[in-house]
Amino acid sequence: MRTPDHKHKPRLASGAMFSLLLGSAALVLLYASASFSSPSASYTFPTNEVPLALPAPSKDLHPCSQCHDASWKTNTKERPLKDMHDDISALYESKATLHPWCLTCHDAANRDMLRLSDGGLVPFSEAFRVCGQCHGEQFKRWANGLHGKHTGSWNGQKIVHLCGHCHSAHLPKFKAIKPLPPPDRPVAGEEKASAPGEQGKAGHKEK
């Protein structure tokens, strides 16, 4: 009588387990991608915080619908812009890693609205919701008062500055600032204070 070969059973069991785990992981990823929503998308200001209104946008560029007619067929293919907004397009072409383009933030159907990753639309006045999708760490610090500018009373109403008050929407990174040289050490016995703009000269007086 032939005895059953038990060597293949663990192999079949492990294969079935692997398939089960793989299927479960795929379902989790599918659910996560379908229900993903950035914390910035649903953020609400505390009762003692009031967002400061953004400056009025340029009338030459806004509203976007004055040039982007709703009846036009939108070309959604990512590409460098050549005829219009080429100055903005060039900013992103120079980036090696992060490469957003117009329709990353702007809605293709309604050009006067911005688009969230889950398809939701927000007005330009709430652009911080779009910014927070990629700049998550900065958003968390901003929401907790550790990033950006907050004015007002420490235990009362606060005025919160939004992203666009400090950052350019299309080039948010600040330009590098050339540091000034450090002041010279004061000369021993020198009592007279230097006039504004004259710091450092006292230590280099000719004798």
N, C-alpha and C. Protein backbone atom coordinates (compact mmCIF):
# COMPACT_ATOMS: atom_id res chain seq x y z
N MET A 1 0.84 -1.20 0.00
CA MET A 1 0.00 0.00 0.00
C MET A 1 0.88 1.24 0.00
N ARG A 2 0.56 2.18 -0.89
CA ARG A 2 1.39 3.39 -1.03
C ARG A 2 1.01 4.41 0.06
N THR A 3 2.00 4.85 0.74
CA THR A 3 1.76 5.84 1.79
C THR A 3 1.68 7.23 1.17
N PRO A 4 0.81 8.08 1.66
CA PRO A 4 0.67 9.44 1.10
C PRO A 4 1.94 10.25 1.31
N ASP A 5 2.22 11.03 0.33
CA ASP A 5 3.41 11.86 0.39
C ASP A 5 3.06 13.16 1.13
N HIS A 6 3.59 13.30 2.34
CA HIS A 6 3.27 14.46 3.16
C HIS A 6 4.16 15.66 2.85
N LYS A 7 5.16 15.46 2.02
CA LYS A 7 6.10 16.55 1.75
C LYS A 7 5.46 17.70 0.96
N HIS A 8 4.41 17.37 0.18
CA HIS A 8 3.78 18.40 -0.65
C HIS A 8 2.74 19.21 0.09
N LYS A 9 2.24 18.73 1.23
CA LYS A 9 1.18 19.43 1.94
C LYS A 9 1.60 20.81 2.43
N PRO A 10 2.75 20.95 3.07
CA PRO A 10 3.15 22.29 3.51
C PRO A 10 3.32 23.25 2.35
N ARG A 11 3.78 22.70 1.21
CA ARG A 11 3.97 23.56 0.04
C ARG A 11 2.63 24.09 -0.46
N LEU A 12 1.61 23.23 -0.48
CA LEU A 12 0.28 23.66 -0.90
C LEU A 12 -0.32 24.63 0.10
N ALA A 13 -0.11 24.38 1.37
CA ALA A 13 -0.67 25.25 2.40
C ALA A 13 -0.04 26.63 2.34
N SER A 14 1.27 26.66 2.18
CA SER A 14 1.93 27.96 2.11
C SER A 14 1.52 28.72 0.86
N GLY A 15 1.32 28.01 -0.25
CA GLY A 15 0.88 28.67 -1.47
C GLY A 15 -0.51 29.26 -1.33
N ALA A 16 -1.40 28.50 -0.68
CA ALA A 16 -2.75 29.01 -0.46
C ALA A 16 -2.75 30.21 0.47
N MET A 17 -1.90 30.14 1.49
CA MET A 17 -1.80 31.26 2.43
C MET A 17 -1.27 32.51 1.74
N PHE A 18 -0.28 32.32 0.88
CA PHE A 18 0.27 33.46 0.14
C PHE A 18 -0.78 34.11 -0.75
N SER A 19 -1.57 33.28 -1.43
CA SER A 19 -2.63 33.81 -2.30
C SER A 19 -3.68 34.56 -1.49
N LEU A 20 -3.99 34.03 -0.30
CA LEU A 20 -4.97 34.69 0.55
C LEU A 20 -4.46 36.05 1.02
N LEU A 21 -3.19 36.08 1.45
CA LEU A 21 -2.60 37.33 1.91
C LEU A 21 -2.51 38.35 0.77
N LEU A 22 -2.14 37.86 -0.41
CA LEU A 22 -2.03 38.75 -1.57
C LEU A 22 -3.39 39.35 -1.93
N GLY A 23 -4.43 38.51 -1.89
CA GLY A 23 -5.76 39.00 -2.19
C GLY A 23 -6.25 40.00 -1.17
N SER A 24 -5.94 39.75 0.11
CA SER A 24 -6.34 40.67 1.17
C SER A 24 -5.64 42.01 1.03
N ALA A 25 -4.35 41.95 0.70
CA ALA A 25 -3.60 43.19 0.53
C ALA A 25 -4.15 44.00 -0.63
N ALA A 26 -4.53 43.32 -1.71
CA ALA A 26 -5.09 44.02 -2.86
C ALA A 26 -6.40 44.70 -2.51
N LEU A 27 -7.23 44.03 -1.70
CA LEU A 27 -8.50 44.64 -1.29
C LEU A 27 -8.27 45.85 -0.40
N VAL A 28 -7.29 45.75 0.51
CA VAL A 28 -6.98 46.88 1.39
C VAL A 28 -6.51 48.08 0.58
N LEU A 29 -5.61 47.83 -0.39
CA LEU A 29 -5.11 48.92 -1.23
C LEU A 29 -6.22 49.53 -2.07
N LEU A 30 -7.10 48.69 -2.59
CA LEU A 30 -8.22 49.18 -3.39
C LEU A 30 -9.14 50.04 -2.56
N TYR A 31 -9.44 49.62 -1.35
CA TYR A 31 -10.31 50.39 -0.46
C TYR A 31 -9.65 51.71 -0.07
N ALA A 32 -8.35 51.64 0.22
CA ALA A 32 -7.64 52.84 0.65
C ALA A 32 -7.59 53.87 -0.47
N SER A 33 -7.32 53.42 -1.70
CA SER A 33 -7.25 54.35 -2.82
C SER A 33 -8.60 54.96 -3.13
N ALA A 34 -9.67 54.18 -2.90
CA ALA A 34 -11.01 54.69 -3.20
C ALA A 34 -11.49 55.68 -2.15
N SER A 35 -11.06 55.47 -0.91
CA SER A 35 -11.58 56.30 0.18
C SER A 35 -10.57 57.31 0.70
N PHE A 36 -9.43 57.46 0.00
CA PHE A 36 -8.39 58.37 0.49
C PHE A 36 -8.89 59.81 0.48
N SER A 37 -8.62 60.48 1.56
CA SER A 37 -8.95 61.89 1.66
C SER A 37 -7.93 62.54 2.56
N SER A 38 -7.26 63.55 2.07
CA SER A 38 -6.24 64.24 2.84
C SER A 38 -6.88 64.95 4.03
N PRO A 39 -6.17 65.03 5.17
CA PRO A 39 -6.70 65.78 6.32
C PRO A 39 -7.02 67.23 5.98
N SER A 40 -6.29 67.79 5.03
CA SER A 40 -6.54 69.18 4.67
C SER A 40 -7.87 69.37 3.96
N ALA A 41 -8.37 68.29 3.33
CA ALA A 41 -9.62 68.40 2.57
C ALA A 41 -10.82 68.68 3.47
N SER A 42 -10.80 68.12 4.67
CA SER A 42 -11.93 68.26 5.58
C SER A 42 -11.62 69.15 6.78
N TYR A 43 -10.52 69.89 6.70
CA TYR A 43 -10.10 70.71 7.84
C TYR A 43 -11.10 71.84 8.09
N THR A 44 -11.40 72.05 9.36
CA THR A 44 -12.24 73.18 9.76
C THR A 44 -11.48 74.01 10.79
N PHE A 45 -11.58 75.31 10.68
CA PHE A 45 -10.88 76.20 11.60
C PHE A 45 -11.52 76.16 12.98
N PRO A 46 -10.71 76.20 14.03
CA PRO A 46 -11.27 76.30 15.38
C PRO A 46 -12.12 77.56 15.51
N THR A 47 -12.99 77.57 16.49
CA THR A 47 -13.92 78.69 16.63
C THR A 47 -13.23 80.02 16.90
N ASN A 48 -12.01 79.97 17.44
CA ASN A 48 -11.31 81.22 17.76
C ASN A 48 -10.31 81.63 16.67
N GLU A 49 -10.36 80.96 15.51
CA GLU A 49 -9.45 81.29 14.42
C GLU A 49 -10.23 81.72 13.19
N VAL A 50 -9.77 82.81 12.57
CA VAL A 50 -10.42 83.34 11.37
C VAL A 50 -9.38 83.42 10.25
N PRO A 51 -9.62 82.79 9.10
CA PRO A 51 -8.65 82.87 8.01
C PRO A 51 -8.65 84.27 7.38
N LEU A 52 -7.46 84.78 7.13
CA LEU A 52 -7.31 86.08 6.48
C LEU A 52 -7.57 85.93 4.99
N ALA A 53 -8.38 86.81 4.44
CA ALA A 53 -8.72 86.72 3.02
C ALA A 53 -7.46 86.92 2.17
N LEU A 54 -7.34 86.14 1.12
CA LEU A 54 -6.20 86.26 0.22
C LEU A 54 -6.33 87.52 -0.63
N PRO A 55 -5.20 88.09 -1.08
CA PRO A 55 -5.27 89.26 -1.96
C PRO A 55 -6.04 88.93 -3.24
N ALA A 56 -6.67 89.91 -3.81
CA ALA A 56 -7.42 89.71 -5.05
C ALA A 56 -6.47 89.26 -6.15
N PRO A 57 -6.81 88.21 -6.88
CA PRO A 57 -5.93 87.74 -7.96
C PRO A 57 -5.88 88.73 -9.11
N SER A 58 -4.86 88.56 -9.95
CA SER A 58 -4.69 89.44 -11.09
C SER A 58 -5.88 89.33 -12.04
N LYS A 59 -6.42 90.47 -12.45
CA LYS A 59 -7.56 90.47 -13.36
C LYS A 59 -7.17 89.99 -14.75
N ASP A 60 -5.85 90.00 -15.04
CA ASP A 60 -5.40 89.50 -16.33
C ASP A 60 -5.48 87.98 -16.42
N LEU A 61 -5.43 87.31 -15.27
CA LEU A 61 -5.43 85.85 -15.26
C LEU A 61 -6.67 85.24 -14.63
N HIS A 62 -7.43 86.02 -13.91
CA HIS A 62 -8.62 85.50 -13.23
C HIS A 62 -9.84 86.34 -13.59
N PRO A 63 -11.02 85.71 -13.64
CA PRO A 63 -11.20 84.26 -13.50
C PRO A 63 -10.64 83.51 -14.71
N CYS A 64 -10.24 82.27 -14.49
CA CYS A 64 -9.64 81.47 -15.56
C CYS A 64 -10.61 81.25 -16.72
N SER A 65 -11.90 81.23 -16.38
CA SER A 65 -12.92 80.96 -17.41
C SER A 65 -13.04 82.07 -18.44
N GLN A 66 -12.41 83.22 -18.20
CA GLN A 66 -12.48 84.27 -19.20
C GLN A 66 -11.69 83.90 -20.45
N CYS A 67 -10.76 82.95 -20.30
CA CYS A 67 -10.02 82.44 -21.46
C CYS A 67 -10.36 80.97 -21.73
N HIS A 68 -10.49 80.18 -20.66
CA HIS A 68 -10.79 78.75 -20.81
C HIS A 68 -12.30 78.58 -20.91
N ASP A 69 -12.80 78.62 -22.11
CA ASP A 69 -14.23 78.48 -22.35
C ASP A 69 -14.69 77.07 -21.99
N ALA A 70 -15.82 76.96 -21.31
CA ALA A 70 -16.33 75.66 -20.88
C ALA A 70 -16.70 74.76 -22.04
N SER A 71 -16.94 75.33 -23.22
CA SER A 71 -17.32 74.52 -24.38
C SER A 71 -16.12 73.87 -25.06
N TRP A 72 -14.92 74.30 -24.70
CA TRP A 72 -13.72 73.74 -25.31
C TRP A 72 -13.47 72.32 -24.81
N LYS A 73 -12.87 71.51 -25.65
CA LYS A 73 -12.45 70.18 -25.25
C LYS A 73 -11.08 70.29 -24.60
N THR A 74 -10.97 69.83 -23.38
CA THR A 74 -9.73 69.97 -22.61
C THR A 74 -8.73 68.88 -22.98
N ASN A 75 -7.52 69.28 -23.28
CA ASN A 75 -6.44 68.33 -23.54
C ASN A 75 -5.81 67.99 -22.19
N THR A 76 -6.07 66.78 -21.68
CA THR A 76 -5.60 66.40 -20.35
C THR A 76 -4.22 65.75 -20.38
N LYS A 77 -3.58 65.69 -21.53
CA LYS A 77 -2.26 65.09 -21.62
C LYS A 77 -1.22 66.02 -20.99
N GLU A 78 -0.42 65.47 -20.08
CA GLU A 78 0.62 66.27 -19.45
C GLU A 78 1.68 66.63 -20.48
N ARG A 79 2.00 67.90 -20.57
CA ARG A 79 2.92 68.36 -21.60
C ARG A 79 3.47 69.73 -21.22
N PRO A 80 4.62 70.11 -21.76
CA PRO A 80 5.10 71.48 -21.57
C PRO A 80 4.20 72.46 -22.30
N LEU A 81 3.93 73.60 -21.71
CA LEU A 81 3.09 74.60 -22.34
C LEU A 81 3.96 75.53 -23.19
N LYS A 82 3.48 75.84 -24.38
CA LYS A 82 4.28 76.64 -25.31
C LYS A 82 3.65 77.99 -25.62
N ASP A 83 2.33 78.04 -25.73
CA ASP A 83 1.68 79.28 -26.17
C ASP A 83 1.34 80.20 -25.00
N MET A 84 0.71 79.66 -23.96
CA MET A 84 0.33 80.44 -22.79
C MET A 84 0.85 79.75 -21.53
N HIS A 85 1.08 80.55 -20.50
CA HIS A 85 1.57 80.03 -19.21
C HIS A 85 2.90 79.29 -19.36
N ASP A 86 3.66 79.57 -20.40
CA ASP A 86 4.92 78.89 -20.58
C ASP A 86 5.93 79.26 -19.49
N ASP A 87 5.78 80.45 -18.89
CA ASP A 87 6.67 80.84 -17.81
C ASP A 87 6.43 79.98 -16.57
N ILE A 88 5.16 79.61 -16.35
CA ILE A 88 4.84 78.75 -15.22
C ILE A 88 5.25 77.31 -15.51
N SER A 89 5.03 76.85 -16.71
CA SER A 89 5.37 75.49 -17.10
C SER A 89 6.86 75.24 -16.95
N ALA A 90 7.68 76.23 -17.27
CA ALA A 90 9.13 76.07 -17.19
C ALA A 90 9.60 75.82 -15.76
N LEU A 91 8.86 76.32 -14.79
CA LEU A 91 9.24 76.12 -13.39
C LEU A 91 9.21 74.64 -13.02
N TYR A 92 8.22 73.91 -13.55
CA TYR A 92 8.07 72.52 -13.19
C TYR A 92 8.93 71.59 -14.05
N GLU A 93 9.25 72.01 -15.25
CA GLU A 93 10.08 71.18 -16.10
C GLU A 93 11.49 71.05 -15.53
N SER A 94 11.90 72.01 -14.72
CA SER A 94 13.25 71.98 -14.16
C SER A 94 13.36 71.11 -12.92
N LYS A 95 12.24 70.63 -12.40
CA LYS A 95 12.26 69.80 -11.20
C LYS A 95 12.54 68.35 -11.58
N ALA A 96 13.45 67.71 -10.84
CA ALA A 96 13.82 66.34 -11.17
C ALA A 96 12.89 65.31 -10.54
N THR A 97 12.35 65.60 -9.36
CA THR A 97 11.54 64.61 -8.65
C THR A 97 10.05 64.96 -8.70
N LEU A 98 9.68 66.04 -8.06
CA LEU A 98 8.27 66.43 -8.04
C LEU A 98 7.92 67.12 -9.34
N HIS A 99 6.93 66.58 -10.05
CA HIS A 99 6.62 67.13 -11.37
C HIS A 99 5.11 67.32 -11.53
N PRO A 100 4.53 68.25 -10.80
CA PRO A 100 3.11 68.54 -11.02
C PRO A 100 2.93 69.39 -12.28
N TRP A 101 1.72 69.45 -12.75
CA TRP A 101 1.43 70.37 -13.84
C TRP A 101 0.04 70.93 -13.62
N CYS A 102 -0.52 71.65 -14.58
CA CYS A 102 -1.74 72.42 -14.39
C CYS A 102 -2.86 71.62 -13.73
N LEU A 103 -3.18 70.46 -14.32
CA LEU A 103 -4.34 69.70 -13.87
C LEU A 103 -4.07 68.88 -12.62
N THR A 104 -2.87 69.01 -12.05
CA THR A 104 -2.62 68.43 -10.74
C THR A 104 -3.44 69.17 -9.69
N CYS A 105 -3.60 70.47 -9.88
CA CYS A 105 -4.32 71.32 -8.91
C CYS A 105 -5.58 71.95 -9.50
N HIS A 106 -5.55 72.30 -10.78
CA HIS A 106 -6.69 72.95 -11.42
C HIS A 106 -7.66 71.91 -11.97
N ASP A 107 -8.94 72.17 -11.85
CA ASP A 107 -9.94 71.24 -12.37
C ASP A 107 -10.07 71.41 -13.88
N ALA A 108 -10.14 70.29 -14.58
CA ALA A 108 -10.20 70.34 -16.04
C ALA A 108 -11.54 70.85 -16.56
N ALA A 109 -12.62 70.56 -15.84
CA ALA A 109 -13.95 70.95 -16.31
C ALA A 109 -14.34 72.36 -15.87
N ASN A 110 -13.96 72.71 -14.63
CA ASN A 110 -14.29 74.03 -14.09
C ASN A 110 -12.99 74.73 -13.72
N ARG A 111 -12.49 75.58 -14.61
CA ARG A 111 -11.18 76.19 -14.41
C ARG A 111 -11.18 77.24 -13.28
N ASP A 112 -12.33 77.61 -12.79
CA ASP A 112 -12.38 78.57 -11.69
C ASP A 112 -12.38 77.88 -10.33
N MET A 113 -12.12 76.59 -10.34
CA MET A 113 -12.05 75.81 -9.10
C MET A 113 -10.77 74.99 -9.09
N LEU A 114 -10.32 74.65 -7.89
CA LEU A 114 -9.18 73.76 -7.71
C LEU A 114 -9.69 72.36 -7.41
N ARG A 115 -8.85 71.38 -7.67
CA ARG A 115 -9.26 69.98 -7.57
C ARG A 115 -8.47 69.24 -6.51
N LEU A 116 -9.18 68.50 -5.66
CA LEU A 116 -8.55 67.64 -4.65
C LEU A 116 -8.28 66.26 -5.26
N SER A 117 -7.45 65.48 -4.59
CA SER A 117 -7.09 64.16 -5.10
C SER A 117 -8.28 63.21 -5.15
N ASP A 118 -9.29 63.45 -4.31
CA ASP A 118 -10.47 62.60 -4.32
C ASP A 118 -11.54 63.09 -5.29
N GLY A 119 -11.21 64.12 -6.08
CA GLY A 119 -12.15 64.64 -7.07
C GLY A 119 -12.98 65.81 -6.58
N GLY A 120 -12.90 66.13 -5.30
CA GLY A 120 -13.65 67.26 -4.77
C GLY A 120 -13.11 68.59 -5.28
N LEU A 121 -13.98 69.59 -5.34
CA LEU A 121 -13.59 70.91 -5.84
C LEU A 121 -13.58 71.90 -4.68
N VAL A 122 -12.62 72.81 -4.73
CA VAL A 122 -12.53 73.86 -3.71
C VAL A 122 -12.24 75.18 -4.42
N PRO A 123 -12.70 76.30 -3.87
CA PRO A 123 -12.40 77.60 -4.47
C PRO A 123 -10.95 78.00 -4.22
N PHE A 124 -10.49 79.01 -4.96
CA PHE A 124 -9.11 79.46 -4.81
C PHE A 124 -8.86 80.00 -3.39
N SER A 125 -9.90 80.50 -2.75
CA SER A 125 -9.75 81.03 -1.40
C SER A 125 -9.42 79.94 -0.39
N GLU A 126 -9.62 78.67 -0.76
CA GLU A 126 -9.31 77.55 0.12
C GLU A 126 -8.22 76.68 -0.50
N ALA A 127 -7.27 77.32 -1.16
CA ALA A 127 -6.19 76.60 -1.82
C ALA A 127 -5.34 75.79 -0.84
N PHE A 128 -5.36 76.16 0.45
CA PHE A 128 -4.57 75.43 1.44
C PHE A 128 -4.97 73.96 1.50
N ARG A 129 -6.21 73.65 1.14
CA ARG A 129 -6.66 72.26 1.14
C ARG A 129 -5.91 71.46 0.07
N VAL A 130 -5.63 72.10 -1.06
CA VAL A 130 -4.88 71.44 -2.14
C VAL A 130 -3.40 71.34 -1.75
N CYS A 131 -2.85 72.42 -1.19
CA CYS A 131 -1.44 72.42 -0.78
C CYS A 131 -1.15 71.32 0.22
N GLY A 132 -2.08 71.11 1.16
CA GLY A 132 -1.87 70.14 2.22
C GLY A 132 -1.84 68.71 1.77
N GLN A 133 -2.29 68.43 0.55
CA GLN A 133 -2.27 67.05 0.06
C GLN A 133 -0.85 66.55 -0.17
N CYS A 134 0.03 67.43 -0.61
CA CYS A 134 1.43 67.05 -0.85
C CYS A 134 2.34 67.50 0.28
N HIS A 135 2.04 68.66 0.83
CA HIS A 135 2.86 69.22 1.90
C HIS A 135 2.21 68.90 3.25
N GLY A 136 2.13 67.60 3.54
CA GLY A 136 1.42 67.16 4.74
C GLY A 136 2.05 67.62 6.04
N GLU A 137 3.38 67.53 6.14
CA GLU A 137 4.04 67.93 7.37
C GLU A 137 3.87 69.42 7.63
N GLN A 138 4.03 70.22 6.57
CA GLN A 138 3.85 71.67 6.72
C GLN A 138 2.41 71.99 7.09
N PHE A 139 1.46 71.24 6.53
CA PHE A 139 0.06 71.49 6.85
C PHE A 139 -0.24 71.21 8.31
N LYS A 140 0.29 70.09 8.84
CA LYS A 140 0.04 69.75 10.24
C LYS A 140 0.61 70.82 11.17
N ARG A 141 1.81 71.30 10.84
CA ARG A 141 2.40 72.35 11.67
C ARG A 141 1.61 73.65 11.56
N TRP A 142 1.14 73.96 10.35
CA TRP A 142 0.34 75.17 10.15
C TRP A 142 -0.97 75.09 10.93
N ALA A 143 -1.62 73.94 10.87
CA ALA A 143 -2.90 73.76 11.57
C ALA A 143 -2.75 73.86 13.08
N ASN A 144 -1.54 73.57 13.58
CA ASN A 144 -1.29 73.65 15.02
C ASN A 144 -0.57 74.92 15.41
N GLY A 145 -0.49 75.89 14.49
CA GLY A 145 0.09 77.18 14.81
C GLY A 145 1.60 77.21 14.84
N LEU A 146 2.28 76.19 14.28
CA LEU A 146 3.73 76.11 14.31
C LEU A 146 4.37 76.49 12.97
N HIS A 147 3.56 76.78 11.99
CA HIS A 147 4.07 77.15 10.66
C HIS A 147 3.21 78.29 10.14
N GLY A 148 3.84 79.25 9.51
CA GLY A 148 3.07 80.37 8.98
C GLY A 148 2.89 81.47 10.01
N LYS A 149 1.97 82.36 9.73
CA LYS A 149 1.79 83.55 10.56
C LYS A 149 0.39 83.57 11.19
N HIS A 150 0.36 83.72 12.49
CA HIS A 150 -0.88 83.85 13.24
C HIS A 150 -0.80 85.13 14.07
N THR A 151 -1.78 85.97 13.96
CA THR A 151 -1.80 87.21 14.74
C THR A 151 -3.07 87.25 15.58
N GLY A 152 -3.07 88.15 16.55
CA GLY A 152 -4.23 88.28 17.41
C GLY A 152 -3.88 87.96 18.85
N SER A 153 -4.90 87.62 19.62
CA SER A 153 -4.73 87.35 21.04
C SER A 153 -4.35 85.90 21.28
N TRP A 154 -3.45 85.68 22.24
CA TRP A 154 -3.03 84.30 22.53
C TRP A 154 -4.16 83.48 23.14
N ASN A 155 -5.10 84.16 23.83
CA ASN A 155 -6.21 83.43 24.44
C ASN A 155 -7.56 83.91 23.91
N GLY A 156 -7.53 84.52 22.74
CA GLY A 156 -8.77 85.01 22.12
C GLY A 156 -8.77 84.72 20.62
N GLN A 157 -9.35 85.61 19.88
CA GLN A 157 -9.45 85.39 18.44
C GLN A 157 -8.10 85.56 17.76
N LYS A 158 -7.82 84.68 16.81
CA LYS A 158 -6.57 84.69 16.06
C LYS A 158 -6.87 84.84 14.56
N ILE A 159 -6.03 85.60 13.89
CA ILE A 159 -6.12 85.75 12.44
C ILE A 159 -5.07 84.84 11.82
N VAL A 160 -5.50 83.91 10.98
CA VAL A 160 -4.59 82.92 10.40
C VAL A 160 -4.28 83.28 8.96
N HIS A 161 -2.99 83.43 8.66
CA HIS A 161 -2.56 83.67 7.29
C HIS A 161 -2.52 82.34 6.53
N LEU A 162 -2.95 82.37 5.29
CA LEU A 162 -3.00 81.16 4.48
C LEU A 162 -1.70 81.00 3.68
N CYS A 163 -1.58 79.88 2.99
CA CYS A 163 -0.36 79.57 2.24
C CYS A 163 0.01 80.70 1.28
N GLY A 164 -1.00 81.20 0.56
CA GLY A 164 -0.76 82.19 -0.47
C GLY A 164 -0.32 83.55 0.04
N HIS A 165 -0.40 83.79 1.35
CA HIS A 165 0.07 85.06 1.89
C HIS A 165 1.59 85.13 1.92
N CYS A 166 2.24 83.98 1.98
CA CYS A 166 3.70 83.95 2.06
C CYS A 166 4.35 83.26 0.86
N HIS A 167 3.66 82.28 0.29
CA HIS A 167 4.24 81.48 -0.78
C HIS A 167 3.58 81.80 -2.12
N SER A 168 4.39 81.71 -3.18
CA SER A 168 3.85 81.79 -4.53
C SER A 168 3.19 80.46 -4.85
N ALA A 169 2.02 80.49 -5.45
CA ALA A 169 1.29 79.26 -5.72
C ALA A 169 2.05 78.33 -6.66
N HIS A 170 2.77 78.90 -7.62
CA HIS A 170 3.47 78.09 -8.62
C HIS A 170 4.94 77.88 -8.31
N LEU A 171 5.48 78.58 -7.35
CA LEU A 171 6.86 78.39 -6.94
C LEU A 171 6.94 78.64 -5.43
N PRO A 172 6.41 77.70 -4.63
CA PRO A 172 6.28 77.94 -3.19
C PRO A 172 7.59 78.00 -2.42
N LYS A 173 8.66 77.42 -2.98
CA LYS A 173 9.93 77.44 -2.26
C LYS A 173 10.52 78.84 -2.26
N PHE A 174 10.93 79.30 -1.09
CA PHE A 174 11.53 80.63 -0.99
C PHE A 174 12.90 80.66 -1.66
N LYS A 175 13.23 81.79 -2.24
CA LYS A 175 14.56 81.96 -2.83
C LYS A 175 15.59 82.04 -1.71
N ALA A 176 16.77 81.54 -2.00
CA ALA A 176 17.85 81.57 -1.02
C ALA A 176 18.25 83.01 -0.73
N ILE A 177 18.53 83.29 0.52
CA ILE A 177 18.94 84.63 0.95
C ILE A 177 20.43 84.60 1.27
N LYS A 178 21.17 85.50 0.66
CA LYS A 178 22.61 85.55 0.92
C LYS A 178 22.84 86.11 2.32
N PRO A 179 23.53 85.36 3.18
CA PRO A 179 23.74 85.85 4.55
C PRO A 179 24.72 87.02 4.58
N LEU A 180 24.49 87.92 5.50
CA LEU A 180 25.40 89.05 5.70
C LEU A 180 26.57 88.62 6.56
N PRO A 181 27.71 89.28 6.42
CA PRO A 181 28.86 88.92 7.26
C PRO A 181 28.58 89.24 8.73
N PRO A 182 29.17 88.52 9.65
CA PRO A 182 28.93 88.77 11.08
C PRO A 182 29.56 90.10 11.49
N PRO A 183 29.05 90.72 12.54
CA PRO A 183 29.64 91.99 13.01
C PRO A 183 31.01 91.75 13.61
N ASP A 184 31.87 92.77 13.54
CA ASP A 184 33.20 92.66 14.13
C ASP A 184 33.10 92.69 15.66
N ARG A 185 34.09 92.13 16.29
CA ARG A 185 34.13 92.18 17.76
C ARG A 185 34.36 93.62 18.20
N PRO A 186 33.75 94.04 19.28
CA PRO A 186 33.97 95.42 19.76
C PRO A 186 35.42 95.61 20.24
N VAL A 187 35.91 96.83 20.06
CA VAL A 187 37.27 97.17 20.48
C VAL A 187 37.26 97.50 21.97
N ALA A 188 38.22 96.99 22.69
CA ALA A 188 38.30 97.25 24.13
C ALA A 188 38.44 98.74 24.39
N GLY A 189 37.62 99.25 25.30
CA GLY A 189 37.66 100.67 25.64
C GLY A 189 36.78 101.53 24.76
N GLU A 190 36.18 100.95 23.73
CA GLU A 190 35.30 101.71 22.84
C GLU A 190 33.93 101.81 23.49
N GLU A 191 33.48 103.03 23.80
CA GLU A 191 32.21 103.22 24.48
C GLU A 191 31.14 103.79 23.57
N LYS A 192 31.54 104.54 22.57
CA LYS A 192 30.59 105.19 21.69
C LYS A 192 29.91 104.16 20.80
N ALA A 193 28.58 104.15 20.81
CA ALA A 193 27.83 103.20 19.99
C ALA A 193 27.94 103.57 18.53
N SER A 194 28.03 102.57 17.68
CA SER A 194 28.12 102.82 16.25
C SER A 194 26.77 103.27 15.72
N ALA A 195 26.83 104.16 14.76
CA ALA A 195 25.60 104.61 14.11
C ALA A 195 25.03 103.49 13.26
N PRO A 196 23.73 103.53 12.97
CA PRO A 196 23.13 102.49 12.13
C PRO A 196 23.88 102.37 10.81
N GLY A 197 24.23 101.16 10.44
CA GLY A 197 24.97 100.93 9.21
C GLY A 197 26.46 101.06 9.36
N GLU A 198 26.93 101.44 10.55
CA GLU A 198 28.35 101.63 10.77
C GLU A 198 28.94 100.53 11.64
N GLN A 199 28.17 99.49 11.93
CA GLN A 199 28.66 98.41 12.76
C GLN A 199 29.85 97.73 12.11
N GLY A 200 30.86 97.45 12.89
CA GLY A 200 32.01 96.75 12.38
C GLY A 200 33.15 97.66 12.00
N LYS A 201 32.88 98.96 11.77
CA LYS A 201 33.93 99.87 11.35
C LYS A 201 34.83 100.31 12.50
N ALA A 202 34.29 100.24 13.72
CA ALA A 202 35.07 100.70 14.87
C ALA A 202 36.31 99.86 15.08
N GLY A 203 36.20 98.58 14.72
CA GLY A 203 37.33 97.70 14.94
C GLY A 203 38.41 97.83 13.88
N HIS A 204 38.19 98.66 12.88
CA HIS A 204 39.15 98.78 11.79
C HIS A 204 39.66 100.21 11.65
N LYS A 205 39.63 100.98 12.75
CA LYS A 205 40.14 102.34 12.67
C LYS A 205 41.66 102.34 12.49
N GLU A 206 42.08 103.21 11.64
CA GLU A 206 43.52 103.33 11.41
C GLU A 206 44.16 104.05 12.59
N LYS A 207 45.30 103.56 13.04
CA LYS A 207 46.01 104.17 14.16
C LYS A 207 47.22 104.94 13.66
